[in-house]
C-alpha atoms as a PDB file:
ATOM      1  CA  MET A   1      50.837 238.119  73.062  1.00  0.00           C
ATOM      2  CA  THR A   2      52.359 241.329  74.426  1.00  0.00           C
ATOM      3  CA  SER A   3      54.095 241.591  77.777  1.00  0.00           C
ATOM      4  CA  LYS A   4      51.138 243.524  79.185  1.00  0.00           C
ATOM      5  CA  GLU A   5      48.741 240.740  78.242  1.00  0.00           C
ATOM      6  CA  ARG A   6      51.006 238.101  79.782  1.00  0.00           C
ATOM      7  CA  PHE A   7      51.202 240.107  83.013  1.00  0.00           C
ATOM      8  CA  ALA A   8      47.421 240.485  83.182  1.00  0.00           C
ATOM      9  CA  GLY A   9      46.965 236.711  82.698  1.00  0.00           C
ATOM     10  CA  PHE A  10      49.432 236.025  85.513  1.00  0.00           C
ATOM     11  CA  ILE A  11      47.480 238.280  87.879  1.00  0.00           C
ATOM     12  CA  VAL A  12      44.169 236.541  87.031  1.00  0.00           C
ATOM     13  CA  GLY A  13      45.698 233.087  87.581  1.00  0.00           C
ATOM     14  CA  LEU A  14      47.148 234.136  90.925  1.00  0.00           C
ATOM     15  CA  ALA A  15      43.735 235.431  92.071  1.00  0.00           C
ATOM     16  CA  CYS A  16      42.028 232.154  91.077  1.00  0.00           C
ATOM     17  CA  SER A  17      44.591 230.116  93.012  1.00  0.00           C
ATOM     18  CA  ALA A  18      44.056 232.229  96.140  1.00  0.00           C
ATOM     19  CA  MET A  19      40.278 231.864  95.868  1.00  0.00           C
ATOM     20  CA  PHE A  20      40.593 228.059  95.532  1.00  0.00           C
ATOM     21  CA  LEU A  21      42.720 227.818  98.665  1.00  0.00           C
ATOM     22  CA  LEU A  22      40.247 229.930 100.662  1.00  0.00           C
ATOM     23  CA  VAL A  23      37.337 227.655  99.702  1.00  0.00           C
ATOM     24  CA  TYR A  24      39.121 224.284  99.798  1.00  0.00           C
ATOM     25  CA  SER A  25      40.775 224.600 103.220  1.00  0.00           C
ATOM     26  CA  PRO A  26      37.475 224.786 105.242  1.00  0.00           C
ATOM     27  CA  LEU A  27      36.048 221.954 103.138  1.00  0.00           C
ATOM     28  CA  ARG A  28      38.990 219.695 104.018  1.00  0.00           C
ATOM     29  CA  GLN A  29      38.413 220.477 107.687  1.00  0.00           C
ATOM     30  CA  PHE A  30      34.897 218.920 107.487  1.00  0.00           C
ATOM     31  CA  THR A  31      35.476 216.207 104.863  1.00  0.00           C
ATOM     32  CA  GLU A  32      38.700 214.554 105.992  1.00  0.00           C
ATOM     33  CA  GLY A  33      38.517 212.615 109.246  1.00  0.00           C
ATOM     34  CA  THR A  34      40.753 210.113 110.962  1.00  0.00           C
ATOM     35  CA  ASP A  35      38.145 207.367 110.487  1.00  0.00           C
ATOM     36  CA  GLY A  36      38.199 207.760 106.719  1.00  0.00           C
ATOM     37  CA  ILE A  37      34.479 208.751 106.545  1.00  0.00           C
ATOM     38  CA  ASN A  38      33.884 211.806 104.390  1.00  0.00           C
ATOM     39  CA  GLU A  39      30.876 213.932 105.335  1.00  0.00           C
ATOM     40  CA  PRO A  40      30.085 216.871 103.083  1.00  0.00           C
ATOM     41  CA  PRO A  41      29.489 220.097 105.000  1.00  0.00           C
ATOM     42  CA  THR A  42      25.913 221.177 105.556  1.00  0.00           C
ATOM     43  CA  VAL A  43      24.302 224.096 107.328  1.00  0.00           C
ATOM     44  CA  THR A  44      23.191 221.699 110.095  1.00  0.00           C
ATOM     45  CA  ASN A  45      26.724 220.407 110.610  1.00  0.00           C
ATOM     46  CA  LEU A  46      28.169 223.913 110.741  1.00  0.00           C
ATOM     47  CA  VAL A  47      25.577 225.060 113.307  1.00  0.00           C
ATOM     48  CA  ALA A  48      26.073 221.938 115.418  1.00  0.00           C
ATOM     49  CA  GLU A  49      29.842 222.470 115.364  1.00  0.00           C
ATOM     50  CA  GLN A  50      29.449 226.053 116.511  1.00  0.00           C
ATOM     51  CA  ASN A  51      27.031 225.075 119.299  1.00  0.00           C
ATOM     52  CA  MET A  52      29.386 222.364 120.562  1.00  0.00           C
ATOM     53  CA  GLN A  53      32.188 224.898 120.860  1.00  0.00           C
ATOM     54  CA  ARG A  54      30.167 227.555 122.718  1.00  0.00           C
ATOM     55  CA  LYS A  55      28.182 227.164 125.963  1.00  0.00           C
ATOM     56  CA  PRO A  56      26.868 230.547 127.078  1.00  0.00           C
ATOM     57  CA  ASP A  57      27.030 231.451 130.745  1.00  0.00           C
ATOM     58  CA  TRP A  58      23.332 232.345 130.817  1.00  0.00           C
ATOM     59  CA  LYS A  59      22.477 228.720 130.064  1.00  0.00           C
ATOM     60  CA  LEU A  60      24.872 227.313 132.660  1.00  0.00           C
ATOM     61  CA  GLN A  61      23.739 229.658 135.442  1.00  0.00           C
ATOM     62  CA  PRO A  62      20.034 230.360 134.815  1.00  0.00           C
ATOM     63  CA  ASP A  63      19.089 230.959 138.447  1.00  0.00           C
ATOM     64  CA  LYS A  64      21.784 233.457 139.454  1.00  0.00           C
ATOM     65  CA  ASN A  65      19.769 236.452 138.391  1.00  0.00           C
ATOM     66  CA  MET A  66      16.990 235.535 140.855  1.00  0.00           C
ATOM     67  CA  ASP A  67      18.804 237.705 143.413  1.00  0.00           C
ATOM     68  CA  GLY A  68      18.740 240.818 141.199  1.00  0.00           C
ATOM     69  CA  PRO A  69      16.610 243.952 141.482  1.00  0.00           C
ATOM     70  CA  LEU A  70      13.479 242.041 140.339  1.00  0.00           C
ATOM     71  CA  LYS A  71      13.690 239.363 143.048  1.00  0.00           C
ATOM     72  CA  ASP A  72      10.981 240.864 145.268  1.00  0.00           C
ATOM     73  CA  PHE A  73       8.689 241.480 142.305  1.00  0.00           C
ATOM     74  CA  ARG A  74       8.981 237.859 141.122  1.00  0.00           C
ATOM     75  CA  GLN A  75       8.101 236.564 144.577  1.00  0.00           C
ATOM     76  CA  GLN A  76       5.174 238.883 145.306  1.00  0.00           C
ATOM     77  CA  GLY A  77       3.887 240.164 141.977  1.00  0.00           C
ATOM     78  CA  GLN A  78       0.688 238.380 140.915  1.00  0.00           C
ATOM     79  CA  PRO A  79      -0.487 238.222 137.280  1.00  0.00           C
ATOM     80  CA  ILE A  80      -3.290 240.583 136.411  1.00  0.00           C
ATOM     81  CA  LYS A  81      -6.622 238.794 136.155  1.00  0.00           C
ATOM     82  CA  SER A  82      -8.803 239.270 133.118  1.00  0.00           C
ATOM     83  CA  ASN A  83     -12.222 240.866 133.391  1.00  0.00           C
ATOM     84  CA  TRP A  84     -13.730 237.458 132.645  1.00  0.00           C
ATOM     85  CA  GLU A  85     -11.974 235.875 135.645  1.00  0.00           C
ATOM     86  CA  LEU A  86     -13.067 238.691 137.917  1.00  0.00           C
ATOM     87  CA  ARG A  87     -16.657 238.360 136.735  1.00  0.00           C
ATOM     88  CA  ALA A  88     -16.515 234.574 137.280  1.00  0.00           C
ATOM     89  CA  GLU A  89     -15.370 235.089 140.857  1.00  0.00           C
ATOM     90  CA  ARG A  90     -18.229 237.496 141.501  1.00  0.00           C
ATOM     91  CA  ASN A  91     -20.631 234.882 140.115  1.00  0.00           C
ATOM     92  CA  MET A  92     -19.792 232.640 143.093  1.00  0.00           C
ATOM     93  CA  ASP A  93     -22.706 234.307 144.845  1.00  0.00           C
ATOM     94  CA  GLY A  94     -25.252 233.038 142.306  1.00  0.00           C
ATOM     95  CA  PRO A  95     -27.718 230.137 142.672  1.00  0.00           C
ATOM     96  CA  LEU A  96     -24.873 227.560 142.390  1.00  0.00           C
ATOM     97  CA  LYS A  97     -22.776 229.036 145.229  1.00  0.00           C
ATOM     98  CA  ASP A  98     -23.718 226.403 147.803  1.00  0.00           C
ATOM     99  CA  LEU A  99     -23.101 223.530 145.380  1.00  0.00           C
ATOM    100  CA  ARG A 100     -19.627 224.833 144.483  1.00  0.00           C
ATOM    101  CA  GLN A 101     -18.711 225.091 148.159  1.00  0.00           C
ATOM    102  CA  GLN A 102     -20.005 221.681 149.260  1.00  0.00           C
ATOM    103  CA  GLY A 103     -20.020 219.426 146.191  1.00  0.00           C
ATOM    104  CA  GLN A 104     -16.412 218.369 145.731  1.00  0.00           C
ATOM    105  CA  VAL A 105     -15.330 217.211 142.278  1.00  0.00           C
ATOM    106  CA  LEU A 106     -12.047 215.785 143.620  1.00  0.00           C
ATOM    107  CA  LEU A 107     -12.505 213.401 146.518  1.00  0.00           C
ATOM    108  CA  PRO A 108     -10.752 214.367 149.774  1.00  0.00           C
ATOM    109  CA  GLU A 109      -9.075 211.885 152.083  1.00  0.00           C
ATOM    110  CA  LYS A 110     -11.253 209.386 153.958  1.00  0.00           C
ATOM    111  CA  ASP A 111     -10.947 211.262 157.271  1.00  0.00           C
ATOM    112  CA  ALA A 112     -12.468 214.336 155.643  1.00  0.00           C
ATOM    113  CA  ILE A 113     -15.180 212.228 153.993  1.00  0.00           C
ATOM    114  CA  ALA A 114     -16.142 210.757 157.375  1.00  0.00           C
ATOM    115  CA  LYS A 115     -16.727 214.280 158.762  1.00  0.00           C
ATOM    116  CA  MET A 116     -19.074 215.373 155.975  1.00  0.00           C
ATOM    117  CA  THR A 117     -22.657 216.284 156.738  1.00  0.00           C
ATOM    118  CA  GLY A 118     -25.421 214.504 154.861  1.00  0.00           C
ATOM    119  CA  SER A 119     -25.789 217.493 152.535  1.00  0.00           C
ATOM    120  CA  GLN A 120     -22.064 217.661 151.790  1.00  0.00           C
ATOM    121  CA  ALA A 121     -21.829 213.918 151.141  1.00  0.00           C
ATOM    122  CA  PHE A 122     -24.841 213.936 148.825  1.00  0.00           C
ATOM    123  CA  LYS A 123     -23.558 216.892 146.800  1.00  0.00           C
ATOM    124  CA  THR A 124     -20.050 215.454 146.606  1.00  0.00           C
ATOM    125  CA  TYR A 125     -21.292 212.029 145.497  1.00  0.00           C
ATOM    126  CA  HIS A 126     -23.252 213.455 142.560  1.00  0.00           C
ATOM    127  CA  SER A 127     -20.636 216.114 141.704  1.00  0.00           C
ATOM    128  CA  TYR A 128     -17.799 213.585 141.679  1.00  0.00           C
ATOM    129  CA  LEU A 129     -19.568 210.959 139.564  1.00  0.00           C
ATOM    130  CA  ASP A 130     -20.753 213.558 137.060  1.00  0.00           C
ATOM    131  CA  ASN A 131     -17.237 214.758 136.124  1.00  0.00           C
ATOM    132  CA  VAL A 132     -14.197 213.160 134.452  1.00  0.00           C
ATOM    133  CA  ASP A 133     -10.622 213.016 135.782  1.00  0.00           C
ATOM    134  CA  THR A 134      -8.680 212.367 132.586  1.00  0.00           C
ATOM    135  CA  LEU A 135      -8.924 212.715 128.823  1.00  0.00           C
ATOM    136  CA  CYS A 136      -9.299 209.856 126.368  1.00  0.00           C
ATOM    137  CA  HIS A 137      -8.644 211.217 122.894  1.00  0.00           C
ATOM    138  CA  ARG A 138     -10.431 208.423 121.004  1.00  0.00           C
ATOM    139  CA  LYS A 139     -13.488 206.657 122.429  1.00  0.00           C
ATOM    140  CA  LEU A 140     -15.175 203.889 120.460  1.00  0.00           C
ATOM    141  CA  ARG A 141     -18.608 202.659 121.440  1.00  0.00           C
ATOM    142  CA  MET A 142     -18.970 198.925 121.445  1.00  0.00           C
ATOM    143  CA  GLY A 143     -22.600 197.827 121.357  1.00  0.00           C
ATOM    144  CA  LYS A 144     -25.834 199.739 121.097  1.00  0.00           C
ATOM    145  CA  LEU A 145     -26.054 203.508 121.315  1.00  0.00           C
ATOM    146  CA  GLY A 146     -28.591 203.188 124.120  1.00  0.00           C
ATOM    147  CA  ASP A 147     -28.550 200.711 126.996  1.00  0.00           C
ATOM    148  CA  GLY A 148     -26.127 197.867 126.382  1.00  0.00           C
ATOM    149  CA  GLY A 149     -23.297 199.820 124.740  1.00  0.00           C
ATOM    150  CA  TRP A 150     -20.139 201.063 126.450  1.00  0.00           C
ATOM    151  CA  GLU A 151     -17.262 203.330 125.405  1.00  0.00           C
ATOM    152  CA  ILE A 152     -13.792 201.779 125.095  1.00  0.00           C
ATOM    153  CA  CYS A 153     -10.807 204.098 125.360  1.00  0.00           C
ATOM    154  CA  ASP A 154      -8.863 203.395 122.171  1.00  0.00           C
ATOM    155  CA  ASP A 155      -5.795 205.497 123.015  1.00  0.00           C
ATOM    156  CA  ALA A 156      -2.615 203.512 122.339  1.00  0.00           C
ATOM    157  CA  LYS A 157      -1.584 203.324 125.993  1.00  0.00           C
ATOM    158  CA  TYR A 158      -4.942 201.883 127.110  1.00  0.00           C
ATOM    159  CA  ARG A 159      -6.577 200.001 124.213  1.00  0.00           C
ATOM    160  CA  PRO A 160      -7.007 196.204 124.410  1.00  0.00           C
ATOM    161  CA  VAL A 161      -4.292 194.360 122.490  1.00  0.00           C
ATOM    162  CA  LYS A 162      -4.761 190.699 121.583  1.00  0.00           C
ATOM    163  CA  PRO A 163      -4.485 188.270 123.195  1.00  0.00           C
ATOM    164  CA  CYS A 164      -6.795 190.227 125.510  1.00  0.00           C
ATOM    165  CA  ILE A 165      -9.301 189.238 128.188  1.00  0.00           C
ATOM    166  CA  VAL A 166     -12.689 190.898 128.691  1.00  0.00           C
ATOM    167  CA  TYR A 167     -15.140 190.175 131.527  1.00  0.00           C
ATOM    168  CA  SER A 168     -18.717 191.355 131.034  1.00  0.00           C
ATOM    169  CA  PHE A 169     -21.003 191.102 134.081  1.00  0.00           C
ATOM    170  CA  GLY A 170     -24.701 191.762 133.514  1.00  0.00           C
ATOM    171  CA  ILE A 171     -26.006 190.918 130.035  1.00  0.00           C
ATOM    172  CA  SER A 172     -29.824 190.942 130.239  1.00  0.00           C
ATOM    173  CA  ASN A 173     -29.998 189.207 126.842  1.00  0.00           C
ATOM    174  CA  ASP A 174     -28.039 192.022 125.150  1.00  0.00           C
ATOM    175  CA  PHE A 175     -24.676 190.817 123.814  1.00  0.00           C
ATOM    176  CA  SER A 176     -24.040 193.851 121.598  1.00  0.00           C
ATOM    177  CA  PHE A 177     -21.088 195.091 123.680  1.00  0.00           C
ATOM    178  CA  ASP A 178     -19.572 191.622 123.955  1.00  0.00           C
ATOM    179  CA  ASP A 179     -19.960 190.811 120.257  1.00  0.00           C
ATOM    180  CA  ASP A 180     -18.546 194.148 119.070  1.00  0.00           C
ATOM    181  CA  THR A 181     -15.581 193.963 121.430  1.00  0.00           C
ATOM    182  CA  ALA A 182     -14.725 190.416 120.388  1.00  0.00           C
ATOM    183  CA  LYS A 183     -15.019 191.328 116.699  1.00  0.00           C
ATOM    184  CA  ASN A 184     -13.115 194.619 116.690  1.00  0.00           C
ATOM    185  CA  TYR A 185     -10.428 193.969 119.304  1.00  0.00           C
ATOM    186  CA  GLU A 186     -10.232 190.189 118.830  1.00  0.00           C
ATOM    187  CA  CYS A 187     -10.467 189.632 122.589  1.00  0.00           C
ATOM    188  CA  ASP A 188     -11.738 186.580 124.418  1.00  0.00           C
ATOM    189  CA  VAL A 189     -14.948 187.727 126.110  1.00  0.00           C
ATOM    190  CA  SER A 190     -16.473 185.976 129.116  1.00  0.00           C
ATOM    191  CA  ALA A 191     -20.081 187.105 129.650  1.00  0.00           C
ATOM    192  CA  PHE A 192     -21.902 186.449 132.957  1.00  0.00           C
ATOM    193  CA  ASP A 193     -25.536 186.717 133.977  1.00  0.00           C
ATOM    194  CA  PRO A 194     -27.444 184.312 136.269  1.00  0.00           C
ATOM    195  CA  SER A 195     -30.786 186.085 135.750  1.00  0.00           C
ATOM    196  CA  MET A 196     -31.374 184.990 132.145  1.00  0.00           C
ATOM    197  CA  ASN A 197     -32.335 181.351 132.850  1.00  0.00           C
ATOM    198  CA  GLN A 198     -29.880 180.373 130.155  1.00  0.00           C
ATOM    199  CA  ALA A 199     -27.380 177.537 130.487  1.00  0.00           C
ATOM    200  CA  SER A 200     -23.732 178.300 129.884  1.00  0.00           C
ATOM    201  CA  TYR A 201     -22.758 177.986 126.209  1.00  0.00           C
ATOM    202  CA  GLN A 202     -20.223 179.053 123.582  1.00  0.00           C
ATOM    203  CA  ARG A 203     -21.888 181.950 121.773  1.00  0.00           C
ATOM    204  CA  SER A 204     -19.143 182.483 119.172  1.00  0.00           C
ATOM    205  CA  PRO A 205     -15.462 181.587 118.739  1.00  0.00           C
ATOM    206  CA  ARG A 206     -14.462 184.446 121.079  1.00  0.00           C
ATOM    207  CA  VAL A 207     -17.556 184.916 123.292  1.00  0.00           C
ATOM    208  CA  ARG A 208     -18.615 182.442 125.964  1.00  0.00           C
ATOM    209  CA  PHE A 209     -21.642 182.881 128.231  1.00  0.00           C
ATOM    210  CA  TYR A 210     -21.704 181.705 131.864  1.00  0.00           C
ATOM    211  CA  ASN A 211     -24.840 181.185 133.932  1.00  0.00           C
ATOM    212  CA  SER A 212     -23.313 182.739 137.060  1.00  0.00           C
ATOM    213  CA  GLY A 213     -22.735 186.176 138.508  1.00  0.00           C
ATOM    214  CA  LEU A 214     -20.431 188.417 140.517  1.00  0.00           C
ATOM    215  CA  ASP A 215     -20.767 189.255 144.201  1.00  0.00           C
ATOM    216  CA  GLY A 216     -18.728 190.111 147.276  1.00  0.00           C
ATOM    217  CA  LYS A 217     -18.622 186.480 148.400  1.00  0.00           C
ATOM    218  CA  ASP A 218     -19.199 182.997 147.037  1.00  0.00           C
ATOM    219  CA  GLN A 219     -22.828 182.099 147.665  1.00  0.00           C
ATOM    220  CA  ARG A 220     -26.055 180.831 146.162  1.00  0.00           C
ATOM    221  CA  ARG A 221     -28.835 183.421 146.258  1.00  0.00           C
ATOM    222  CA  ASN A 222     -32.211 183.388 144.512  1.00  0.00           C
ATOM    223  CA  ASN A 223     -31.093 180.122 142.921  1.00  0.00           C
ATOM    224  CA  TRP A 224     -28.188 182.038 141.374  1.00  0.00           C
ATOM    225  CA  ASP A 225     -24.559 180.984 141.575  1.00  0.00           C
ATOM    226  CA  LEU A 226     -22.590 184.053 142.655  1.00  0.00           C
ATOM    227  CA  HIS A 227     -18.820 184.285 143.087  1.00  0.00           C
ATOM    228  CA  THR A 228     -16.061 186.746 143.854  1.00  0.00           C
ATOM    229  CA  LEU A 229     -13.805 187.886 141.039  1.00  0.00           C
ATOM    230  CA  THR A 230     -10.955 185.879 142.542  1.00  0.00           C
ATOM    231  CA  THR A 231     -13.018 182.687 142.361  1.00  0.00           C
ATOM    232  CA  ILE A 232     -14.183 183.391 138.803  1.00  0.00           C
ATOM    233  CA  LYS A 233     -10.637 184.007 137.585  1.00  0.00           C
ATOM    234  CA  LYS A 234      -9.553 180.747 139.197  1.00  0.00           C
ATOM    235  CA  MET A 235     -12.421 178.861 137.496  1.00  0.00           C
ATOM    236  CA  LEU A 236     -11.370 180.266 134.105  1.00  0.00           C
ATOM    237  CA  ASN A 237      -7.630 179.653 134.671  1.00  0.00           C
ATOM    238  CA  HIS A 238      -7.020 183.412 134.703  1.00  0.00           C
ATOM    239  CA  THR A 239      -5.475 183.634 138.172  1.00  0.00           C
ATOM    240  CA  GLY A 240      -2.772 186.317 138.173  1.00  0.00           C
ATOM    241  CA  LYS A 241      -3.647 187.492 134.661  1.00  0.00           C
ATOM    242  CA  TYR A 242      -4.618 191.037 133.706  1.00  0.00           C
ATOM    243  CA  ILE A 243      -8.161 191.806 132.578  1.00  0.00           C
ATOM    244  CA  ASP A 244      -8.089 194.307 129.729  1.00  0.00           C
ATOM    245  CA  VAL A 245     -11.718 195.374 130.142  1.00  0.00           C
ATOM    246  CA  LEU A 246     -14.091 194.618 132.995  1.00  0.00           C
ATOM    247  CA  LYS A 247     -17.685 195.767 132.510  1.00  0.00           C
ATOM    248  CA  MET A 248     -20.170 195.570 135.378  1.00  0.00           C
ATOM    249  CA  ASP A 249     -23.899 196.349 135.333  1.00  0.00           C
ATOM    250  CA  ILE A 250     -25.283 194.144 138.084  1.00  0.00           C
ATOM    251  CA  GLU A 251     -28.052 196.182 139.768  1.00  0.00           C
ATOM    252  CA  HIS A 252     -26.639 197.258 143.181  1.00  0.00           C
ATOM    253  CA  SER A 253     -24.404 194.185 143.577  1.00  0.00           C
ATOM    254  CA  GLU A 254     -21.500 196.308 142.323  1.00  0.00           C
ATOM    255  CA  TRP A 255     -20.975 197.723 145.824  1.00  0.00           C
ATOM    256  CA  PRO A 256     -20.230 194.481 147.732  1.00  0.00           C
ATOM    257  CA  SER A 257     -18.395 193.119 144.693  1.00  0.00           C
ATOM    258  CA  LEU A 258     -16.110 196.151 144.542  1.00  0.00           C
ATOM    259  CA  ILE A 259     -15.357 196.047 148.255  1.00  0.00           C
ATOM    260  CA  ASN A 260     -14.043 192.520 147.760  1.00  0.00           C
ATOM    261  CA  MET A 261     -12.199 193.388 144.535  1.00  0.00           C
ATOM    262  CA  VAL A 262     -10.385 196.284 146.217  1.00  0.00           C
ATOM    263  CA  SER A 263      -9.484 194.376 149.394  1.00  0.00           C
ATOM    264  CA  SER A 264      -8.276 191.320 147.443  1.00  0.00           C
ATOM    265  CA  GLY A 265      -6.093 193.412 145.137  1.00  0.00           C
ATOM    266  CA  GLU A 266      -7.869 192.187 142.008  1.00  0.00           C
ATOM    267  CA  MET A 267      -8.569 195.768 140.880  1.00  0.00           C
ATOM    268  CA  SER A 268      -4.843 196.333 140.390  1.00  0.00           C
ATOM    269  CA  LYS A 269      -4.970 193.871 137.461  1.00  0.00           C
ATOM    270  CA  VAL A 270      -7.786 195.613 135.560  1.00  0.00           C
ATOM    271  CA  ARG A 271      -6.846 198.017 132.736  1.00  0.00           C
ATOM    272  CA  GLN A 272     -10.246 199.523 131.846  1.00  0.00           C
ATOM    273  CA  PHE A 273     -13.237 199.343 134.160  1.00  0.00           C
ATOM    274  CA  TYR A 274     -16.850 200.217 133.321  1.00  0.00           C
ATOM    275  CA  VAL A 275     -19.552 200.157 135.961  1.00  0.00           C
ATOM    276  CA  GLU A 276     -23.077 201.391 136.501  1.00  0.00           C
ATOM    277  CA  TYR A 277     -23.367 202.680 140.056  1.00  0.00           C
ATOM    278  CA  HIS A 278     -26.872 202.341 141.461  1.00  0.00           C
ATOM    279  CA  GLY A 279     -28.397 204.146 144.429  1.00  0.00           C
ATOM    280  CA  PRO A 280     -29.630 207.675 145.152  1.00  0.00           C
ATOM    281  CA  CYS A 281     -27.233 208.153 148.074  1.00  0.00           C
ATOM    282  CA  THR A 282     -29.744 210.121 150.158  1.00  0.00           C
ATOM    283  CA  ASP A 283     -28.805 208.607 153.529  1.00  0.00           C
ATOM    284  CA  ARG A 284     -25.693 210.178 155.118  1.00  0.00           C
ATOM    285  CA  ASN A 285     -24.065 206.920 156.232  1.00  0.00           C
ATOM    286  CA  ASP A 286     -24.782 205.276 152.883  1.00  0.00           C
ATOM    287  CA  CYS A 287     -23.326 208.258 151.033  1.00  0.00           C
ATOM    288  CA  ILE A 288     -20.172 208.296 153.133  1.00  0.00           C
ATOM    289  CA  SER A 289     -19.559 204.550 152.735  1.00  0.00           C
ATOM    290  CA  LYS A 290     -19.980 204.871 148.962  1.00  0.00           C
ATOM    291  CA  LEU A 291     -17.632 207.863 148.817  1.00  0.00           C
ATOM    292  CA  LYS A 292     -14.978 205.961 150.759  1.00  0.00           C
ATOM    293  CA  LEU A 293     -15.173 203.079 148.282  1.00  0.00           C
ATOM    294  CA  LEU A 294     -14.962 205.502 145.358  1.00  0.00           C
ATOM    295  CA  LYS A 295     -11.871 206.969 147.017  1.00  0.00           C
ATOM    296  CA  ASP A 296     -10.340 203.463 147.233  1.00  0.00           C
ATOM    297  CA  ILE A 297     -10.970 202.954 143.517  1.00  0.00           C
ATOM    298  CA  HIS A 298      -9.390 206.318 142.714  1.00  0.00           C
ATOM    299  CA  ASP A 299      -6.364 205.542 144.892  1.00  0.00           C
ATOM    300  CA  ALA A 300      -5.957 202.225 143.040  1.00  0.00           C
ATOM    301  CA  GLY A 301      -5.219 204.260 139.895  1.00  0.00           C
ATOM    302  CA  PHE A 302      -8.620 204.503 138.214  1.00  0.00           C
ATOM    303  CA  ARG A 303      -9.572 207.758 136.501  1.00  0.00           C
ATOM    304  CA  LYS A 304     -12.928 208.580 134.932  1.00  0.00           C
ATOM    305  CA  PHE A 305     -12.692 209.359 131.206  1.00  0.00           C
ATOM    306  CA  TYR A 306     -16.403 209.203 130.345  1.00  0.00           C
ATOM    307  CA  VAL A 307     -19.633 209.566 132.312  1.00  0.00           C
ATOM    308  CA  HIS A 308     -23.177 208.821 131.208  1.00  0.00           C
ATOM    309  CA  LYS A 309     -26.269 209.513 133.295  1.00  0.00           C
ATOM    310  CA  ASN A 310     -28.933 206.868 132.754  1.00  0.00           C
ATOM    311  CA  HIS A 311     -32.165 208.783 132.060  1.00  0.00           C
ATOM    312  CA  HIS A 312     -34.267 205.868 133.284  1.00  0.00           C
ATOM    313  CA  CYS A 313     -33.188 206.645 136.875  1.00  0.00           C
ATOM    314  CA  THR A 314     -34.250 210.279 137.248  1.00  0.00           C
ATOM    315  CA  LEU A 315     -33.672 211.808 140.668  1.00  0.00           C
ATOM    316  CA  THR A 316     -34.831 215.188 141.948  1.00  0.00           C
ATOM    317  CA  ASN A 317     -33.728 216.423 145.360  1.00  0.00           C
ATOM    318  CA  ALA A 318     -33.914 219.800 147.068  1.00  0.00           C
ATOM    319  CA  LEU A 319     -30.210 219.558 147.933  1.00  0.00           C
ATOM    320  CA  PHE A 320     -29.193 219.655 144.270  1.00  0.00           C
ATOM    321  CA  PRO A 321     -30.237 222.477 141.903  1.00  0.00           C
ATOM    322  CA  VAL A 322     -30.642 220.331 138.783  1.00  0.00           C
ATOM    323  CA  ILE A 323     -32.059 216.905 137.926  1.00  0.00           C
ATOM    324  CA  ARG A 324     -29.797 213.995 138.829  1.00  0.00           C
ATOM    325  CA  THR A 325     -29.754 210.261 138.179  1.00  0.00           C
ATOM    326  CA  PHE A 326     -29.199 207.414 140.577  1.00  0.00           C
ATOM    327  CA  CYS A 327     -27.663 205.270 137.823  1.00  0.00           C
ATOM    328  CA  TYR A 328     -24.258 206.598 136.745  1.00  0.00           C
ATOM    329  CA  GLU A 329     -22.441 204.694 134.011  1.00  0.00           C
ATOM    330  CA  ILE A 330     -18.773 205.391 134.706  1.00  0.00           C
ATOM    331  CA  HIS A 331     -15.858 204.514 132.405  1.00  0.00           C
ATOM    332  CA  TYR A 332     -12.391 204.307 133.967  1.00  0.00           C
ATOM    333  CA  VAL A 333      -8.843 203.732 132.773  1.00  0.00           C
ATOM    334  CA  ASN A 334      -6.151 202.514 135.163  1.00  0.00           C
ATOM    335  CA  ILE A 335      -3.292 205.025 134.944  1.00  0.00           C
ATOM    336  CA  ASN A 336      -1.016 202.554 136.746  1.00  0.00           C
ATOM    337  CA  LEU A 337      -1.269 200.146 133.780  1.00  0.00           C
ATOM    338  CA  GLN A 338      -0.169 201.930 130.603  1.00  0.00           C
END
């Protein structure tokens, strides 16, 4: 090997050594720690390390620039409305104008309800019951598709979880809801109806029928044994327990029953509540009293996630521009119990 060849080899070796040191030194910085744990460098680690070392001023002081030249514009400048929005506002003068102004979808406070005219109360009652307050992403119908079936909200934060308790008031010889709920959610279902002339009995391992009904007070009426929810829970050793689903279709008796359930605090221990509200609400005082009770139920945490108008109870009235019903099947979830 000539001297020139040896010199060229020395230069190549020196370059390789320098390259090794440049690569190895950063690797040691990330792979050698005082705790003896070696973590190979990754893009994520490198980015995280850089972010930990640098906190930009614009992130620490995001509101300082509010006092700049654009301050007045931010406070007063309104977003430009689309043509569709402008057209919708002009459509306020159409045939539905009066309904939009008087029929409230969100219930006001009780003082405002008490001051409503008969027309305002009627329109608000039907507007409120015909619209939902919250979204349930998965509804599952338990029971028949027609009368007798009800929608259970199956969202994880609301669905019945065994061991669960279900009360079903108003059967009329149709156990389809009770049977489906017991089968699919494995809940213990207590079914009540004093109008069937049927003695209490164990229908299935998870469904028991009781020859008694629900009311606003303990009494015997029409040879029926009627009780408050507090009394029924005591009879079934459920005092203080939560009811996962309470279904109520009891032909006008829902109103006195609910007054008692709200005043006694029993509603606060119900997770899902289904009820058929009966009554046309054509009398001003009747409408206002019903609206106040609906406000109490809302204030207790109940939000409507599904509404069904019973077509067997058709109602036409000059105060409302479209056909109504006086039998609203309302499905609630209790947002206070998630």
